[in-house]
Amino acid sequence: MEFDPSRFSYVLVTSTTYGNWLPGDARGFVEEHNEHGTPFDAPSESLNHFAKDVMKESVVLFNAEQAEIVLNRWREAVAELEGRLIVVAIMGNHFHFAGVFPDKIAKAKLLQFFKGRASRILNQK
């Protein structure tokens, strides 16, 4: 059987960890699940203060041990989805990953899926 690249979704996912880039931020911000090229919204000091006030948890910063836990959990999750991680970078306050997934996986659901898997395992630890 010949490889058919059109049967797959190719994704680049980037996200900050909880509390590190809130709505209203002076750097600008975008709403959740934006597409490449989405323009930033204008900074808003009042919105940023509000976002900080309604945070339910402390700001999340990954240490090396936590990053390794997240990476291992993502590897398991990718296998469940029958996908492949191409590259992963997990820094203290944000992460990036590129992957290939069967076309049946909705791209918009991947960020939520992977953040959920990371949160769940870290909360258990």
PDB file of N, CA and C in Angstrom:
ATOM      1  N   MET A   1       0.839  -1.173   0.000  1.00  0.00           N
ATOM      2  CA  MET A   1       0.000   0.000   0.000  1.00  0.00           C
ATOM      3  C   MET A   1       0.886   1.240   0.000  1.00  0.00           C
ATOM      4  N   GLU A   2       0.600   2.165  -0.861  1.00  0.00           N
ATOM      5  CA  GLU A   2       1.395   3.375  -1.005  1.00  0.00           C
ATOM      6  C   GLU A   2       0.974   4.421   0.030  1.00  0.00           C
ATOM      7  N   PHE A   3       1.952   5.149   0.544  1.00  0.00           N
ATOM      8  CA  PHE A   3       1.681   6.223   1.507  1.00  0.00           C
ATOM      9  C   PHE A   3       0.906   7.343   0.839  1.00  0.00           C
ATOM     10  N   ASP A   4      -0.192   7.756   1.460  1.00  0.00           N
ATOM     11  CA  ASP A   4      -1.022   8.839   0.920  1.00  0.00           C
ATOM     12  C   ASP A   4      -1.032   9.979   1.934  1.00  0.00           C
ATOM     13  N   PRO A   5      -0.215  11.039   1.715  1.00  0.00           N
ATOM     14  CA  PRO A   5      -0.121  12.125   2.690  1.00  0.00           C
ATOM     15  C   PRO A   5      -1.436  12.875   2.903  1.00  0.00           C
ATOM     16  N   SER A   6      -2.347  12.785   1.973  1.00  0.00           N
ATOM     17  CA  SER A   6      -3.619  13.505   2.124  1.00  0.00           C
ATOM     18  C   SER A   6      -4.522  12.875   3.187  1.00  0.00           C
ATOM     19  N   ARG A   7      -4.189  11.681   3.661  1.00  0.00           N
ATOM     20  CA  ARG A   7      -4.993  11.015   4.680  1.00  0.00           C
ATOM     21  C   ARG A   7      -4.594  11.442   6.094  1.00  0.00           C
ATOM     22  N   PHE A   8      -3.689  12.406   6.210  1.00  0.00           N
ATOM     23  CA  PHE A   8      -3.179  12.804   7.509  1.00  0.00           C
ATOM     24  C   PHE A   8      -3.318  14.305   7.722  1.00  0.00           C
ATOM     25  N   SER A   9      -3.346  14.699   8.999  1.00  0.00           N
ATOM     26  CA  SER A   9      -3.311  16.110   9.382  1.00  0.00           C
ATOM     27  C   SER A   9      -1.924  16.401   9.930  1.00  0.00           C
ATOM     28  N   TYR A  10      -1.350  17.489   9.493  1.00  0.00           N
ATOM     29  CA  TYR A  10      -0.033  17.910   9.936  1.00  0.00           C
ATOM     30  C   TYR A  10      -0.237  19.138  10.815  1.00  0.00           C
ATOM     31  N   VAL A  11       0.236  19.073  12.051  1.00  0.00           N
ATOM     32  CA  VAL A  11      -0.063  20.155  12.984  1.00  0.00           C
ATOM     33  C   VAL A  11       1.196  20.663  13.682  1.00  0.00           C
ATOM     34  N   LEU A  12       1.160  21.944  13.984  1.00  0.00           N
ATOM     35  CA  LEU A  12       2.135  22.573  14.861  1.00  0.00           C
ATOM     36  C   LEU A  12       1.318  23.190  15.986  1.00  0.00           C
ATOM     37  N   VAL A  13       1.555  22.740  17.201  1.00  0.00           N
ATOM     38  CA  VAL A  13       0.810  23.231  18.359  1.00  0.00           C
ATOM     39  C   VAL A  13       1.776  23.984  19.260  1.00  0.00           C
ATOM     40  N   THR A  14       1.373  25.178  19.643  1.00  0.00           N
ATOM     41  CA  THR A  14       2.139  26.020  20.548  1.00  0.00           C
ATOM     42  C   THR A  14       1.193  26.531  21.618  1.00  0.00           C
ATOM     43  N   SER A  15       1.639  26.493  22.851  1.00  0.00           N
ATOM     44  CA  SER A  15       0.793  27.022  23.926  1.00  0.00           C
ATOM     45  C   SER A  15       1.661  27.419  25.102  1.00  0.00           C
ATOM     46  N   THR A  16       1.175  28.381  25.850  1.00  0.00           N
ATOM     47  CA  THR A  16       1.820  28.730  27.102  1.00  0.00           C
ATOM     48  C   THR A  16       1.212  27.876  28.205  1.00  0.00           C
ATOM     49  N   THR A  17       1.926  27.738  29.292  1.00  0.00           N
ATOM     50  CA  THR A  17       1.375  27.051  30.447  1.00  0.00           C
ATOM     51  C   THR A  17       0.452  28.009  31.187  1.00  0.00           C
ATOM     52  N   TYR A  18      -0.330  27.460  32.079  1.00  0.00           N
ATOM     53  CA  TYR A  18      -1.377  28.209  32.768  1.00  0.00           C
ATOM     54  C   TYR A  18      -0.843  29.488  33.415  1.00  0.00           C
ATOM     55  N   GLY A  19      -1.489  30.591  33.085  1.00  0.00           N
ATOM     56  CA  GLY A  19      -1.199  31.864  33.735  1.00  0.00           C
ATOM     57  C   GLY A  19      -0.032  32.657  33.191  1.00  0.00           C
ATOM     58  N   ASN A  20       0.626  32.166  32.144  1.00  0.00           N
ATOM     59  CA  ASN A  20       1.825  32.835  31.647  1.00  0.00           C
ATOM     60  C   ASN A  20       1.609  33.859  30.547  1.00  0.00           C
ATOM     61  N   TRP A  21       0.459  33.854  29.910  1.00  0.00           N
ATOM     62  CA  TRP A  21       0.174  34.858  28.884  1.00  0.00           C
ATOM     63  C   TRP A  21      -1.333  35.036  28.860  1.00  0.00           C
ATOM     64  N   LEU A  22      -1.792  35.925  29.697  1.00  0.00           N
ATOM     65  CA  LEU A  22      -3.217  36.094  29.937  1.00  0.00           C
ATOM     66  C   LEU A  22      -3.849  37.105  28.981  1.00  0.00           C
ATOM     67  N   PRO A  23      -5.168  37.025  28.817  1.00  0.00           N
ATOM     68  CA  PRO A  23      -5.858  38.050  28.033  1.00  0.00           C
ATOM     69  C   PRO A  23      -5.503  39.443  28.554  1.00  0.00           C
ATOM     70  N   GLY A  24      -5.327  40.354  27.632  1.00  0.00           N
ATOM     71  CA  GLY A  24      -4.978  41.723  27.987  1.00  0.00           C
ATOM     72  C   GLY A  24      -3.492  41.971  28.113  1.00  0.00           C
ATOM     73  N   ASP A  25      -2.678  40.946  28.018  1.00  0.00           N
ATOM     74  CA  ASP A  25      -1.225  41.054  28.181  1.00  0.00           C
ATOM     75  C   ASP A  25      -0.659  42.174  27.315  1.00  0.00           C
ATOM     76  N   ALA A  26       0.347  42.860  27.854  1.00  0.00           N
ATOM     77  CA  ALA A  26       0.980  43.978  27.144  1.00  0.00           C
ATOM     78  C   ALA A  26       1.613  43.546  25.819  1.00  0.00           C
ATOM     79  N   ARG A  27       1.949  42.255  25.674  1.00  0.00           N
ATOM     80  CA  ARG A  27       2.522  41.745  24.420  1.00  0.00           C
ATOM     81  C   ARG A  27       1.451  41.523  23.360  1.00  0.00           C
ATOM     82  N   GLY A  28       0.189  41.751  23.721  1.00  0.00           N
ATOM     83  CA  GLY A  28      -0.928  41.398  22.856  1.00  0.00           C
ATOM     84  C   GLY A  28      -1.334  39.972  23.183  1.00  0.00           C
ATOM     85  N   PHE A  29      -2.437  39.523  22.633  1.00  0.00           N
ATOM     86  CA  PHE A  29      -2.910  38.168  22.910  1.00  0.00           C
ATOM     87  C   PHE A  29      -3.890  37.762  21.820  1.00  0.00           C
ATOM     88  N   VAL A  30      -4.172  36.492  21.754  1.00  0.00           N
ATOM     89  CA  VAL A  30      -5.180  35.972  20.831  1.00  0.00           C
ATOM     90  C   VAL A  30      -6.114  35.063  21.604  1.00  0.00           C
ATOM     91  N   GLU A  31      -7.321  34.923  21.103  1.00  0.00           N
ATOM     92  CA  GLU A  31      -8.278  34.015  21.734  1.00  0.00           C
ATOM     93  C   GLU A  31      -7.798  32.585  21.546  1.00  0.00           C
ATOM     94  N   GLU A  32      -8.376  31.662  22.303  1.00  0.00           N
ATOM     95  CA  GLU A  32      -7.974  30.261  22.230  1.00  0.00           C
ATOM     96  C   GLU A  32      -8.165  29.683  20.832  1.00  0.00           C
ATOM     97  N   HIS A  33      -7.343  28.699  20.512  1.00  0.00           N
ATOM     98  CA  HIS A  33      -7.443  27.909  19.292  1.00  0.00           C
ATOM     99  C   HIS A  33      -7.397  28.764  18.029  1.00  0.00           C
ATOM    100  N   ASN A  34      -6.483  29.702  18.011  1.00  0.00           N
ATOM    101  CA  ASN A  34      -6.349  30.543  16.828  1.00  0.00           C
ATOM    102  C   ASN A  34      -5.623  29.786  15.725  1.00  0.00           C
ATOM    103  N   GLU A  35      -5.742  30.261  14.557  1.00  0.00           N
ATOM    104  CA  GLU A  35      -5.026  29.724  13.409  1.00  0.00           C
ATOM    105  C   GLU A  35      -3.816  30.612  13.130  1.00  0.00           C
ATOM    106  N   HIS A  36      -2.824  30.053  12.451  1.00  0.00           N
ATOM    107  CA  HIS A  36      -1.636  30.819  12.085  1.00  0.00           C
ATOM    108  C   HIS A  36      -2.055  32.096  11.367  1.00  0.00           C
ATOM    109  N   GLY A  37      -1.460  33.202  11.763  1.00  0.00           N
ATOM    110  CA  GLY A  37      -1.736  34.476  11.126  1.00  0.00           C
ATOM    111  C   GLY A  37      -2.839  35.282  11.789  1.00  0.00           C
ATOM    112  N   THR A  38      -3.467  34.730  12.837  1.00  0.00           N
ATOM    113  CA  THR A  38      -4.504  35.472  13.538  1.00  0.00           C
ATOM    114  C   THR A  38      -3.884  36.715  14.161  1.00  0.00           C
ATOM    115  N   PRO A  39      -4.444  37.888  13.913  1.00  0.00           N
ATOM    116  CA  PRO A  39      -3.857  39.099  14.498  1.00  0.00           C
ATOM    117  C   PRO A  39      -4.032  39.135  16.011  1.00  0.00           C
ATOM    118  N   PHE A  40      -3.084  39.736  16.688  1.00  0.00           N
ATOM    119  CA  PHE A  40      -3.163  39.894  18.136  1.00  0.00           C
ATOM    120  C   PHE A  40      -4.241  40.911  18.475  1.00  0.00           C
ATOM    121  N   ASP A  41      -4.907  40.699  19.605  1.00  0.00           N
ATOM    122  CA  ASP A  41      -5.803  41.718  20.147  1.00  0.00           C
ATOM    123  C   ASP A  41      -4.944  42.743  20.869  1.00  0.00           C
ATOM    124  N   ALA A  42      -5.446  43.943  20.959  1.00  0.00           N
ATOM    125  CA  ALA A  42      -4.700  45.022  21.607  1.00  0.00           C
ATOM    126  C   ALA A  42      -4.578  44.764  23.105  1.00  0.00           C
ATOM    127  N   PRO A  43      -3.444  45.142  23.693  1.00  0.00           N
ATOM    128  CA  PRO A  43      -3.292  45.006  25.142  1.00  0.00           C
ATOM    129  C   PRO A  43      -4.386  45.774  25.884  1.00  0.00           C
ATOM    130  N   SER A  44      -4.750  45.262  27.055  1.00  0.00           N
ATOM    131  CA  SER A  44      -5.762  45.911  27.879  1.00  0.00           C
ATOM    132  C   SER A  44      -5.402  45.682  29.339  1.00  0.00           C
ATOM    133  N   GLU A  45      -4.966  46.730  30.002  1.00  0.00           N
ATOM    134  CA  GLU A  45      -4.556  46.603  31.398  1.00  0.00           C
ATOM    135  C   GLU A  45      -5.701  46.117  32.273  1.00  0.00           C
ATOM    136  N   SER A  46      -6.903  46.636  32.041  1.00  0.00           N
ATOM    137  CA  SER A  46      -8.040  46.220  32.876  1.00  0.00           C
ATOM    138  C   SER A  46      -8.388  44.749  32.641  1.00  0.00           C
ATOM    139  N   LEU A  47      -8.347  44.290  31.385  1.00  0.00           N
ATOM    140  CA  LEU A  47      -8.617  42.884  31.095  1.00  0.00           C
ATOM    141  C   LEU A  47      -7.550  41.993  31.712  1.00  0.00           C
ATOM    142  N   ASN A  48      -6.299  42.426  31.654  1.00  0.00           N
ATOM    143  CA  ASN A  48      -5.217  41.647  32.230  1.00  0.00           C
ATOM    144  C   ASN A  48      -5.364  41.527  33.746  1.00  0.00           C
ATOM    145  N   HIS A  49      -5.712  42.617  34.418  1.00  0.00           N
ATOM    146  CA  HIS A  49      -5.945  42.550  35.872  1.00  0.00           C
ATOM    147  C   HIS A  49      -7.109  41.618  36.190  1.00  0.00           C
ATOM    148  N   PHE A  50      -8.169  41.691  35.406  1.00  0.00           N
ATOM    149  CA  PHE A  50      -9.317  40.806  35.605  1.00  0.00           C
ATOM    150  C   PHE A  50      -8.904  39.344  35.439  1.00  0.00           C
ATOM    151  N   ALA A  51      -8.150  39.050  34.379  1.00  0.00           N
ATOM    152  CA  ALA A  51      -7.710  37.677  34.120  1.00  0.00           C
ATOM    153  C   ALA A  51      -6.872  37.143  35.284  1.00  0.00           C
ATOM    154  N   LYS A  52      -6.010  37.980  35.845  1.00  0.00           N
ATOM    155  CA  LYS A  52      -5.204  37.568  37.002  1.00  0.00           C
ATOM    156  C   LYS A  52      -6.083  37.314  38.219  1.00  0.00           C
ATOM    157  N   ASP A  53      -7.091  38.167  38.406  1.00  0.00           N
ATOM    158  CA  ASP A  53      -7.974  38.029  39.559  1.00  0.00           C
ATOM    159  C   ASP A  53      -8.806  36.752  39.524  1.00  0.00           C
ATOM    160  N   VAL A  54      -9.158  36.271  38.344  1.00  0.00           N
ATOM    161  CA  VAL A  54     -10.024  35.088  38.253  1.00  0.00           C
ATOM    162  C   VAL A  54      -9.240  33.783  38.096  1.00  0.00           C
ATOM    163  N   MET A  55      -7.916  33.852  38.130  1.00  0.00           N
ATOM    164  CA  MET A  55      -7.129  32.616  38.050  1.00  0.00           C
ATOM    165  C   MET A  55      -7.469  31.720  39.226  1.00  0.00           C
ATOM    166  N   LYS A  56      -7.658  30.436  38.943  1.00  0.00           N
ATOM    167  CA  LYS A  56      -8.036  29.470  39.972  1.00  0.00           C
ATOM    168  C   LYS A  56      -6.834  28.754  40.572  1.00  0.00           C
ATOM    169  N   GLU A  57      -5.709  28.834  39.908  1.00  0.00           N
ATOM    170  CA  GLU A  57      -4.484  28.167  40.352  1.00  0.00           C
ATOM    171  C   GLU A  57      -3.318  29.132  40.194  1.00  0.00           C
ATOM    172  N   SER A  58      -2.179  28.729  40.713  1.00  0.00           N
ATOM    173  CA  SER A  58      -0.951  29.506  40.542  1.00  0.00           C
ATOM    174  C   SER A  58      -0.433  29.341  39.115  1.00  0.00           C
ATOM    175  N   VAL A  59       0.424  30.259  38.710  1.00  0.00           N
ATOM    176  CA  VAL A  59       1.087  30.168  37.412  1.00  0.00           C
ATOM    177  C   VAL A  59       1.871  28.855  37.356  1.00  0.00           C
ATOM    178  N   VAL A  60       1.809  28.182  36.219  1.00  0.00           N
ATOM    179  CA  VAL A  60       2.503  26.904  36.041  1.00  0.00           C
ATOM    180  C   VAL A  60       3.815  27.138  35.304  1.00  0.00           C
ATOM    181  N   LEU A  61       4.893  26.669  35.890  1.00  0.00           N
ATOM    182  CA  LEU A  61       6.212  26.651  35.262  1.00  0.00           C
ATOM    183  C   LEU A  61       6.753  25.230  35.367  1.00  0.00           C
ATOM    184  N   PHE A  62       7.065  24.615  34.232  1.00  0.00           N
ATOM    185  CA  PHE A  62       7.598  23.258  34.238  1.00  0.00           C
ATOM    186  C   PHE A  62       9.050  23.247  34.686  1.00  0.00           C
ATOM    187  N   ASN A  63       9.415  22.283  35.538  1.00  0.00           N
ATOM    188  CA  ASN A  63      10.817  22.002  35.794  1.00  0.00           C
ATOM    189  C   ASN A  63      11.209  20.816  34.903  1.00  0.00           C
ATOM    190  N   ALA A  64      12.460  20.414  34.925  1.00  0.00           N
ATOM    191  CA  ALA A  64      12.931  19.349  34.030  1.00  0.00           C
ATOM    192  C   ALA A  64      12.205  18.033  34.282  1.00  0.00           C
ATOM    193  N   GLU A  65      11.971  17.696  35.530  1.00  0.00           N
ATOM    194  CA  GLU A  65      11.277  16.439  35.855  1.00  0.00           C
ATOM    195  C   GLU A  65       9.845  16.467  35.310  1.00  0.00           C
ATOM    196  N   GLN A  66       9.156  17.584  35.477  1.00  0.00           N
ATOM    197  CA  GLN A  66       7.789  17.691  34.981  1.00  0.00           C
ATOM    198  C   GLN A  66       7.746  17.644  33.456  1.00  0.00           C
ATOM    199  N   ALA A  67       8.709  18.291  32.810  1.00  0.00           N
ATOM    200  CA  ALA A  67       8.756  18.265  31.347  1.00  0.00           C
ATOM    201  C   ALA A  67       8.931  16.838  30.843  1.00  0.00           C
ATOM    202  N   GLU A  68       9.747  16.056  31.524  1.00  0.00           N
ATOM    203  CA  GLU A  68       9.949  14.661  31.123  1.00  0.00           C
ATOM    204  C   GLU A  68       8.670  13.849  31.325  1.00  0.00           C
ATOM    205  N   ILE A  69       7.964  14.094  32.409  1.00  0.00           N
ATOM    206  CA  ILE A  69       6.695  13.413  32.662  1.00  0.00           C
ATOM    207  C   ILE A  69       5.694  13.749  31.558  1.00  0.00           C
ATOM    208  N   VAL A  70       5.609  15.025  31.209  1.00  0.00           N
ATOM    209  CA  VAL A  70       4.685  15.465  30.154  1.00  0.00           C
ATOM    210  C   VAL A  70       5.057  14.812  28.822  1.00  0.00           C
ATOM    211  N   LEU A  71       6.318  14.825  28.479  1.00  0.00           N
ATOM    212  CA  LEU A  71       6.757  14.237  27.218  1.00  0.00           C
ATOM    213  C   LEU A  71       6.377  12.755  27.147  1.00  0.00           C
ATOM    214  N   ASN A  72       6.636  12.021  28.224  1.00  0.00           N
ATOM    215  CA  ASN A  72       6.303  10.595  28.224  1.00  0.00           C
ATOM    216  C   ASN A  72       4.797  10.371  28.090  1.00  0.00           C
ATOM    217  N   ARG A  73       4.010  11.199  28.748  1.00  0.00           N
ATOM    218  CA  ARG A  73       2.552  11.071  28.640  1.00  0.00           C
ATOM    219  C   ARG A  73       2.088  11.397  27.228  1.00  0.00           C
ATOM    220  N   TRP A  74       2.696  12.418  26.614  1.00  0.00           N
ATOM    221  CA  TRP A  74       2.327  12.757  25.241  1.00  0.00           C
ATOM    222  C   TRP A  74       2.681  11.629  24.275  1.00  0.00           C
ATOM    223  N   ARG A  75       3.804  10.985  24.510  1.00  0.00           N
ATOM    224  CA  ARG A  75       4.165   9.850  23.642  1.00  0.00           C
ATOM    225  C   ARG A  75       3.093   8.770  23.707  1.00  0.00           C
ATOM    226  N   GLU A  76       2.607   8.477  24.908  1.00  0.00           N
ATOM    227  CA  GLU A  76       1.534   7.491  25.076  1.00  0.00           C
ATOM    228  C   GLU A  76       0.264   7.954  24.367  1.00  0.00           C
ATOM    229  N   ALA A  77      -0.065   9.230  24.529  1.00  0.00           N
ATOM    230  CA  ALA A  77      -1.283   9.775  23.932  1.00  0.00           C
ATOM    231  C   ALA A  77      -1.218   9.735  22.406  1.00  0.00           C
ATOM    232  N   VAL A  78      -0.063  10.040  21.851  1.00  0.00           N
ATOM    233  CA  VAL A  78       0.101  10.012  20.398  1.00  0.00           C
ATOM    234  C   VAL A  78      -0.103   8.597  19.877  1.00  0.00           C
ATOM    235  N   ALA A  79       0.414   7.623  20.592  1.00  0.00           N
ATOM    236  CA  ALA A  79       0.228   6.233  20.180  1.00  0.00           C
ATOM    237  C   ALA A  79      -1.260   5.871  20.180  1.00  0.00           C
ATOM    238  N   GLU A  80      -2.006   6.343  21.178  1.00  0.00           N
ATOM    239  CA  GLU A  80      -3.447   6.095  21.236  1.00  0.00           C
ATOM    240  C   GLU A  80      -4.155   6.673  20.009  1.00  0.00           C
ATOM    241  N   LEU A  81      -3.673   7.797  19.521  1.00  0.00           N
ATOM    242  CA  LEU A  81      -4.276   8.471  18.369  1.00  0.00           C
ATOM    243  C   LEU A  81      -3.733   7.965  17.037  1.00  0.00           C
ATOM    244  N   GLU A  82      -2.799   7.024  17.097  1.00  0.00           N
ATOM    245  CA  GLU A  82      -2.151   6.480  15.903  1.00  0.00           C
ATOM    246  C   GLU A  82      -1.422   7.568  15.117  1.00  0.00           C
ATOM    247  N   GLY A  83      -0.806   8.487  15.860  1.00  0.00           N
ATOM    248  CA  GLY A  83      -0.082   9.580  15.243  1.00  0.00           C
ATOM    249  C   GLY A  83       1.411   9.458  15.482  1.00  0.00           C
ATOM    250  N   ARG A  84       2.120  10.509  15.126  1.00  0.00           N
ATOM    251  CA  ARG A  84       3.573  10.569  15.320  1.00  0.00           C
ATOM    252  C   ARG A  84       3.935  11.978  15.758  1.00  0.00           C
ATOM    253  N   LEU A  85       4.745  12.070  16.806  1.00  0.00           N
ATOM    254  CA  LEU A  85       5.344  13.350  17.166  1.00  0.00           C
ATOM    255  C   LEU A  85       6.600  13.501  16.329  1.00  0.00           C
ATOM    256  N   ILE A  86       6.739  14.630  15.700  1.00  0.00           N
ATOM    257  CA  ILE A  86       7.914  14.894  14.871  1.00  0.00           C
ATOM    258  C   ILE A  86       8.976  15.616  15.688  1.00  0.00           C
ATOM    259  N   VAL A  87       8.556  16.630  16.426  1.00  0.00           N
ATOM    260  CA  VAL A  87       9.479  17.388  17.262  1.00  0.00           C
ATOM    261  C   VAL A  87       8.691  17.952  18.443  1.00  0.00           C
ATOM    262  N   VAL A  88       9.348  18.014  19.594  1.00  0.00           N
ATOM    263  CA  VAL A  88       8.733  18.548  20.809  1.00  0.00           C
ATOM    264  C   VAL A  88       9.749  19.447  21.503  1.00  0.00           C
ATOM    265  N   ALA A  89       9.276  20.583  22.000  1.00  0.00           N
ATOM    266  CA  ALA A  89      10.095  21.457  22.841  1.00  0.00           C
ATOM    267  C   ALA A  89       9.235  21.866  24.025  1.00  0.00           C
ATOM    268  N   ILE A  90       9.686  21.523  25.220  1.00  0.00           N
ATOM    269  CA  ILE A  90       8.962  21.881  26.436  1.00  0.00           C
ATOM    270  C   ILE A  90       9.872  22.776  27.262  1.00  0.00           C
ATOM    271  N   MET A  91       9.471  24.036  27.375  1.00  0.00           N
ATOM    272  CA  MET A  91      10.220  25.002  28.170  1.00  0.00           C
ATOM    273  C   MET A  91       9.444  25.267  29.459  1.00  0.00           C
ATOM    274  N   GLY A  92       9.984  26.089  30.316  1.00  0.00           N
ATOM    275  CA  GLY A  92       9.344  26.353  31.600  1.00  0.00           C
ATOM    276  C   GLY A  92       7.941  26.903  31.485  1.00  0.00           C
ATOM    277  N   ASN A  93       7.731  27.830  30.562  1.00  0.00           N
ATOM    278  CA  ASN A  93       6.435  28.501  30.511  1.00  0.00           C
ATOM    279  C   ASN A  93       5.645  28.270  29.223  1.00  0.00           C
ATOM    280  N   HIS A  94       6.149  27.427  28.338  1.00  0.00           N
ATOM    281  CA  HIS A  94       5.406  27.130  27.118  1.00  0.00           C
ATOM    282  C   HIS A  94       5.955  25.882  26.453  1.00  0.00           C
ATOM    283  N   PHE A  95       5.210  25.414  25.443  1.00  0.00           N
ATOM    284  CA  PHE A  95       5.656  24.239  24.705  1.00  0.00           C
ATOM    285  C   PHE A  95       5.249  24.358  23.240  1.00  0.00           C
ATOM    286  N   HIS A  96       5.941  23.564  22.420  1.00  0.00           N
ATOM    287  CA  HIS A  96       5.634  23.434  20.997  1.00  0.00           C
ATOM    288  C   HIS A  96       5.726  21.955  20.667  1.00  0.00           C
ATOM    289  N   PHE A  97       4.885  21.504  19.761  1.00  0.00           N
ATOM    290  CA  PHE A  97       5.113  20.196  19.157  1.00  0.00           C
ATOM    291  C   PHE A  97       4.526  20.163  17.768  1.00  0.00           C
ATOM    292  N   ALA A  98       5.181  19.400  16.931  1.00  0.00           N
ATOM    293  CA  ALA A  98       4.692  19.171  15.577  1.00  0.00           C
ATOM    294  C   ALA A  98       4.430  17.688  15.461  1.00  0.00           C
ATOM    295  N   GLY A  99       3.337  17.356  14.800  1.00  0.00           N
ATOM    296  CA  GLY A  99       2.984  15.957  14.675  1.00  0.00           C
ATOM    297  C   GLY A  99       2.182  15.681  13.424  1.00  0.00           C
ATOM    298  N   VAL A 100       2.000  14.395  13.187  1.00  0.00           N
ATOM    299  CA  VAL A 100       1.204  13.897  12.072  1.00  0.00           C
ATOM    300  C   VAL A 100       0.155  12.970  12.674  1.00  0.00           C
ATOM    301  N   PHE A 101      -1.088  13.213  12.314  1.00  0.00           N
ATOM    302  CA  PHE A 101      -2.192  12.439  12.865  1.00  0.00           C
ATOM    303  C   PHE A 101      -3.138  12.019  11.754  1.00  0.00           C
ATOM    304  N   PRO A 102      -3.819  10.876  11.941  1.00  0.00           N
ATOM    305  CA  PRO A 102      -4.813  10.490  10.936  1.00  0.00           C
ATOM    306  C   PRO A 102      -5.810  11.627  10.736  1.00  0.00           C
ATOM    307  N   ASP A 103      -6.258  11.792   9.524  1.00  0.00           N
ATOM    308  CA  ASP A 103      -7.127  12.912   9.173  1.00  0.00           C
ATOM    309  C   ASP A 103      -8.427  12.936   9.984  1.00  0.00           C
ATOM    310  N   LYS A 104      -8.808  11.825  10.576  1.00  0.00           N
ATOM    311  CA  LYS A 104     -10.047  11.775  11.352  1.00  0.00           C
ATOM    312  C   LYS A 104      -9.943  12.566  12.665  1.00  0.00           C
ATOM    313  N   ILE A 105      -8.733  12.939  13.079  1.00  0.00           N
ATOM    314  CA  ILE A 105      -8.531  13.709  14.306  1.00  0.00           C
ATOM    315  C   ILE A 105      -8.717  15.192  13.992  1.00  0.00           C
ATOM    316  N   ALA A 106      -9.621  15.848  14.704  1.00  0.00           N
ATOM    317  CA  ALA A 106      -9.867  17.280  14.485  1.00  0.00           C
ATOM    318  C   ALA A 106      -8.697  18.087  15.043  1.00  0.00           C
ATOM    319  N   LYS A 107      -8.075  18.896  14.206  1.00  0.00           N
ATOM    320  CA  LYS A 107      -6.929  19.694  14.640  1.00  0.00           C
ATOM    321  C   LYS A 107      -7.272  20.571  15.840  1.00  0.00           C
ATOM    322  N   ALA A 108      -8.460  21.137  15.858  1.00  0.00           N
ATOM    323  CA  ALA A 108      -8.862  22.039  16.936  1.00  0.00           C
ATOM    324  C   ALA A 108      -8.924  21.329  18.284  1.00  0.00           C
ATOM    325  N   LYS A 109      -9.057  20.029  18.295  1.00  0.00           N
ATOM    326  CA  LYS A 109      -9.149  19.270  19.547  1.00  0.00           C
ATOM    327  C   LYS A 109      -7.793  18.850  20.097  1.00  0.00           C
ATOM    328  N   LEU A 110      -6.745  18.934  19.290  1.00  0.00           N
ATOM    329  CA  LEU A 110      -5.441  18.413  19.711  1.00  0.00           C
ATOM    330  C   LEU A 110      -4.842  19.198  20.880  1.00  0.00           C
ATOM    331  N   LEU A 111      -4.893  20.524  20.847  1.00  0.00           N
ATOM    332  CA  LEU A 111      -4.330  21.309  21.942  1.00  0.00           C
ATOM    333  C   LEU A 111      -5.029  20.954  23.246  1.00  0.00           C
ATOM    334  N   GLN A 112      -6.339  20.941  23.231  1.00  0.00           N
ATOM    335  CA  GLN A 112      -7.114  20.597  24.426  1.00  0.00           C
ATOM    336  C   GLN A 112      -6.772  19.182  24.902  1.00  0.00           C
ATOM    337  N   PHE A 113      -6.675  18.253  23.997  1.00  0.00           N
ATOM    338  CA  PHE A 113      -6.363  16.869  24.320  1.00  0.00           C
ATOM    339  C   PHE A 113      -5.000  16.747  25.006  1.00  0.00           C
ATOM    340  N   PHE A 114      -3.974  17.366  24.409  1.00  0.00           N
ATOM    341  CA  PHE A 114      -2.625  17.242  24.956  1.00  0.00           C
ATOM    342  C   PHE A 114      -2.448  18.021  26.253  1.00  0.00           C
ATOM    343  N   LYS A 115      -3.074  19.195  26.361  1.00  0.00           N
ATOM    344  CA  LYS A 115      -2.996  19.930  27.624  1.00  0.00           C
ATOM    345  C   LYS A 115      -3.706  19.158  28.729  1.00  0.00           C
ATOM    346  N   GLY A 116      -4.814  18.536  28.395  1.00  0.00           N
ATOM    347  CA  GLY A 116      -5.532  17.731  29.378  1.00  0.00           C
ATOM    348  C   GLY A 116      -4.713  16.545  29.856  1.00  0.00           C
ATOM    349  N   ARG A 117      -4.069  15.886  28.945  1.00  0.00           N
ATOM    350  CA  ARG A 117      -3.222  14.733  29.324  1.00  0.00           C
ATOM    351  C   ARG A 117      -2.052  15.165  30.201  1.00  0.00           C
ATOM    352  N   ALA A 118      -1.453  16.310  29.891  1.00  0.00           N
ATOM    353  CA  ALA A 118      -0.348  16.811  30.701  1.00  0.00           C
ATOM    354  C   ALA A 118      -0.840  17.203  32.084  1.00  0.00           C
ATOM    355  N   SER A 119      -1.950  17.931  32.153  1.00  0.00           N
ATOM    356  CA  SER A 119      -2.487  18.363  33.449  1.00  0.00           C
ATOM    357  C   SER A 119      -2.834  17.181  34.325  1.00  0.00           C
ATOM    358  N   ARG A 120      -3.483  16.204  33.742  1.00  0.00           N
ATOM    359  CA  ARG A 120      -3.930  15.037  34.516  1.00  0.00           C
ATOM    360  C   ARG A 120      -2.749  14.324  35.167  1.00  0.00           C
ATOM    361  N   ILE A 121      -1.710  14.043  34.394  1.00  0.00           N
ATOM    362  CA  ILE A 121      -0.571  13.296  34.949  1.00  0.00           C
ATOM    363  C   ILE A 121       0.190  14.129  35.973  1.00  0.00           C
ATOM    364  N   LEU A 122       0.328  15.421  35.726  1.00  0.00           N
ATOM    365  CA  LEU A 122       1.048  16.272  36.693  1.00  0.00           C
ATOM    366  C   LEU A 122       0.258  16.404  37.996  1.00  0.00           C
ATOM    367  N   ASN A 123      -1.053  16.512  37.890  1.00  0.00           N
ATOM    368  CA  ASN A 123      -1.882  16.587  39.101  1.00  0.00           C
ATOM    369  C   ASN A 123      -1.805  15.304  39.916  1.00  0.00           C
ATOM    370  N   GLN A 124      -1.687  14.185  39.242  1.00  0.00           N
ATOM    371  CA  GLN A 124      -1.563  12.889  39.945  1.00  0.00           C
ATOM    372  C   GLN A 124      -0.237  12.783  40.672  1.00  0.00           C
ATOM    373  N   LYS A 125       0.813  13.381  40.104  1.00  0.00           N
ATOM    374  CA  LYS A 125       2.149  13.323  40.705  1.00  0.00           C
ATOM    375  C   LYS A 125       2.212  14.291  41.875  1.00  0.00           C
TER     376      LYS A 125
END
